[in-house]
Protein backbone atom coordinates (compact mmCIF):
# COMPACT_ATOMS: atom_id res chain seq x y z
CA MET A 1 23.02 64.01 -39.42
CA ASN A 2 21.79 60.48 -38.62
CA LEU A 3 18.02 61.94 -38.89
CA PHE A 4 18.58 63.66 -42.44
CA LEU A 5 20.16 60.43 -43.89
CA ASN A 6 16.83 58.70 -42.37
CA TYR A 7 14.53 61.35 -44.41
CA LEU A 8 16.94 61.36 -47.50
CA VAL A 9 16.66 57.50 -47.44
CA VAL A 10 12.91 57.61 -46.92
CA THR A 11 12.74 60.28 -49.71
CA ALA A 12 15.18 58.01 -52.14
CA LEU A 13 12.61 54.71 -51.75
CA LEU A 14 9.40 56.94 -51.87
CA ALA A 15 10.97 57.85 -55.32
CA LEU A 16 11.93 54.65 -56.39
CA VAL A 17 8.27 53.31 -55.62
CA LEU A 18 6.56 56.35 -57.65
CA LEU A 19 9.25 56.28 -60.81
CA PRO A 20 7.25 53.13 -62.70
CA ALA A 21 4.01 55.20 -62.14
CA GLY A 22 5.25 58.46 -63.28
CA LEU A 23 6.67 57.06 -66.27
CA GLY A 24 3.56 55.28 -67.08
CA LEU A 25 1.46 58.17 -66.61
CA ALA A 26 3.32 60.05 -69.10
CA ARG A 27 3.63 57.53 -71.76
CA GLU A 28 -0.32 56.94 -71.64
CA ARG A 29 -1.00 61.30 -71.78
CA ARG A 30 1.74 60.68 -74.93
CA ILE A 31 -0.43 58.09 -76.31
CA ASP A 32 -3.89 59.82 -76.04
CA ARG A 33 -1.93 63.21 -77.07
CA GLN A 34 -1.14 61.33 -80.43
CA LEU A 35 -4.57 59.72 -81.08
CA ARG A 36 -6.62 62.85 -80.26
CA ASP A 37 -4.10 64.93 -83.13
CA ALA A 38 -4.32 61.33 -85.88
CA ALA A 39 -8.26 62.45 -85.05
CA ARG A 40 -8.11 65.83 -85.42
CA ARG A 41 -6.11 65.15 -88.40
CA ASP A 42 -8.57 62.74 -90.10
CA ALA A 43 -11.74 64.49 -89.38
CA GLU A 44 -10.17 67.85 -90.84
CA PRO A 45 -11.16 68.04 -94.78
CA THR A 46 -8.41 68.76 -97.12
CA GLU A 47 -8.53 71.92 -99.49
CA THR A 48 -9.27 69.25 -102.74
CA GLU A 49 -12.53 68.12 -100.41
CA SER A 50 -13.83 71.41 -99.20
CA ARG A 51 -14.02 72.50 -103.03
CA GLY A 52 -16.19 69.42 -103.78
CA ALA A 53 -13.97 67.98 -105.79
CA PHE A 54 -14.93 64.29 -104.15
CA SER A 55 -18.10 63.17 -104.15
CA GLN A 56 -18.13 60.69 -101.24
CA GLU A 57 -19.50 61.32 -97.78
CA PRO A 58 -16.79 62.67 -95.37
CA HIS A 59 -15.10 60.15 -93.34
CA THR A 60 -15.92 59.44 -89.47
CA VAL A 61 -13.27 58.91 -87.10
CA VAL A 62 -14.20 55.74 -84.87
CA VAL A 63 -11.51 55.70 -81.97
CA ALA A 64 -10.90 51.77 -81.27
CA GLN A 65 -11.18 50.26 -78.13
CA CYS A 66 -9.80 47.76 -76.21
CA PRO A 67 -12.32 45.15 -74.97
CA LEU A 68 -10.03 44.10 -72.10
CA LEU A 69 -10.04 47.56 -70.98
CA SER A 70 -13.48 48.00 -70.96
């Protein structure tokens, strides 16, 4: 029984250490997915643009990059 409790304590500590990293990874993936969806939505021409109602050139999508991370 003592061996089982030791394993249980080690597993709980490992989970506590890995929890912040897992939550941060999930948050980063969610933000990346939102940016990717926004870029696709901005890049797709609307119905009126595809019929030639606007004479402007199509918009180019530029993803902003943080200068601290590059």
